[in-house]
Amino acid sequence: MYGIIYADPPWPITMANPRNSKKNLIPELPYKTMSVDDCFAAIDPFLQQANDKHNVFIWAVDKFLWDAEQQMKNRGYKLHARMIWDKGNGFPAAFTIRPSHEYLLWFYKPGHLLKPRKEVQGKYTTVFYEPSTVHSKKPIAAYKMLEDMFPDVTKIELFARNTRDGWQSWGNEVGKYN
């Protein structure tokens, strides 16, 4: 059913302690988070509905990079690429450095990789820049890249906060950013 599964899991991220945080930092996330295991339990039914040849794209921050890769490895997937979204900004972790990137991880099952259409093979790099706009809203460039690479497959976004033409959306915040 699905050729592309694209997920932005609500990782169990904790924000700054309100007593110690600067006034412009938010003390908690504007959405409910889930444990790593629960995030992947929610993804599993969609993996079972995937086409024979399919790809899975998962967003992760540094803290959950290893977890995402291990969870997918445990499900029989291999990492094809780590793409980096340079957001151009970010909140300083523990008031030290400002993390300004997120990873878009590309996974596939051995022997079942869905290849991009020939005309765009090699067109995209592993780093793309697009300024962050709203907390947790993902870059339009990522959607456009996947639409360009895989125009004729069914795509679904999990833990979606917006709808997009040509995509199915699943999550408890669908439409939040429309």
Foldseek 3Di string as FASTA:
>chain_A
DFQEEEEEAQEPDAFDDVVPDDPVGDRGDPDDHDYLVVSVVVCVVVVVVHDQAHKYKYKFAPVCPVVVQVSVVVVQKHWDAWAKEQQVFADDDVPDDGDRIITITIITHVVRHDWFPPVCVVVDDRYDYDHDDDPPDDDPVVVVVCCNRCVPGAYEYECDQEDDPRYHYDHDNYHNVD
